[in-house]
Protein backbone atom coordinates (compact mmCIF):
# COMPACT_ATOMS: atom_id res chain seq x y z
CA UNK A 1 33.69 104.73 -16.89
CA UNK A 2 35.21 103.20 -13.83
CA UNK A 3 38.52 104.86 -12.28
CA UNK A 4 41.90 103.18 -12.80
CA UNK A 5 45.26 103.29 -10.70
CA UNK A 6 48.15 103.23 -12.96
CA UNK A 7 51.82 103.10 -12.81
CA UNK A 8 52.71 106.12 -10.76
CA UNK A 9 51.25 104.31 -7.66
CA UNK A 10 53.87 101.65 -7.77
CA UNK A 11 56.05 101.80 -4.50
CA UNK A 12 53.95 105.14 -3.13
CA UNK A 13 50.70 103.62 -2.03
CA UNK A 14 49.74 106.88 -0.38
CA UNK A 15 46.24 105.55 0.43
CA UNK A 16 44.63 109.20 0.52
CA UNK A 17 42.44 107.70 -2.43
CA UNK A 18 41.14 105.03 0.19
CA UNK A 19 40.27 107.29 2.75
CA UNK A 20 37.89 109.36 0.37
CA UNK A 21 36.07 106.59 -1.34
CA UNK A 22 32.62 106.37 -0.29
CA UNK A 23 32.10 102.64 -1.40
CA UNK A 24 35.43 101.27 -0.41
CA UNK A 25 36.31 99.93 -3.91
CA UNK A 26 40.09 100.57 -3.65
CA UNK A 27 42.08 97.63 -2.43
CA UNK A 28 45.56 96.98 -0.97
CA UNK A 29 47.12 93.36 -1.24
CA UNK A 30 50.04 92.26 0.85
CA UNK A 31 53.16 91.75 -1.36
CA UNK A 32 51.80 94.14 -4.22
CA UNK A 33 53.41 97.33 -5.14
CA UNK A 34 50.46 99.46 -5.63
CA UNK A 35 46.60 99.76 -4.92
CA UNK A 36 43.88 98.50 -7.09
CA UNK A 37 40.29 100.07 -7.96
CA UNK A 38 37.63 97.44 -8.46
CA UNK A 39 35.77 98.51 -11.93
CA UNK A 40 32.54 96.39 -10.72
CA UNK A 41 32.33 98.57 -7.59
CA UNK A 42 33.57 102.03 -8.56
CA UNK A 43 30.55 104.51 -8.81
CA UNK A 44 32.67 106.90 -10.78
CA UNK A 45 32.25 109.68 -8.21
CA UNK A 46 35.86 111.01 -8.61
CA UNK A 47 36.47 111.57 -5.11
CA UNK A 48 39.88 109.65 -5.46
CA UNK A 49 41.26 111.27 -8.16
CA UNK A 50 42.15 114.89 -6.86
CA UNK A 51 43.54 113.59 -3.40
CA UNK A 52 46.36 111.28 -5.27
CA UNK A 53 49.60 113.02 -4.63
CA UNK A 54 51.21 111.10 -7.70
CA UNK A 55 48.42 111.61 -10.17
CA UNK A 56 48.03 107.76 -10.84
CA UNK A 57 44.26 107.79 -11.09
CA UNK A 58 42.36 108.31 -14.35
CA UNK A 59 39.00 107.38 -15.51
CA UNK A 60 39.29 104.36 -17.76
CA UNK A 61 38.60 106.18 -21.02
CA UNK A 62 41.41 108.68 -20.10
CA UNK A 63 44.25 106.43 -19.26
CA UNK A 64 47.48 107.29 -21.15
CA UNK A 65 48.15 105.21 -24.06
CA UNK A 66 51.41 103.54 -22.52
CA UNK A 67 49.21 102.69 -19.48
CA UNK A 68 46.32 100.99 -21.08
CA UNK A 69 47.24 97.57 -19.65
CA UNK A 70 46.43 98.84 -16.28
CA UNK A 71 42.99 98.82 -17.03
CA UNK A 72 42.65 95.06 -17.15
CA UNK A 73 45.53 94.69 -14.16
CA UNK A 74 42.68 96.67 -11.65
CA UNK A 75 40.04 94.47 -13.07
CA UNK A 76 42.02 91.27 -12.69
CA UNK A 77 43.63 92.18 -9.16
CA UNK A 78 39.94 93.21 -7.84
CA UNK A 79 38.15 90.05 -8.84
């Protein structure tokens, strides 16, 4: 179960998660309002989750119901 970045990251992009990711699977793209995690590259270590200041990161199986679309959004943006 890879991790997913959700709505709370929009407009924040703190990037603390980027600094602790051991496999560099968190991406920032110019013009995008948030960061994205590649589900194909994520090793599910969980290092990113506790450092997120806005609690935007969830395991894909724990993403709140109203934010389920972010699972596919992260996958699409990191292809």
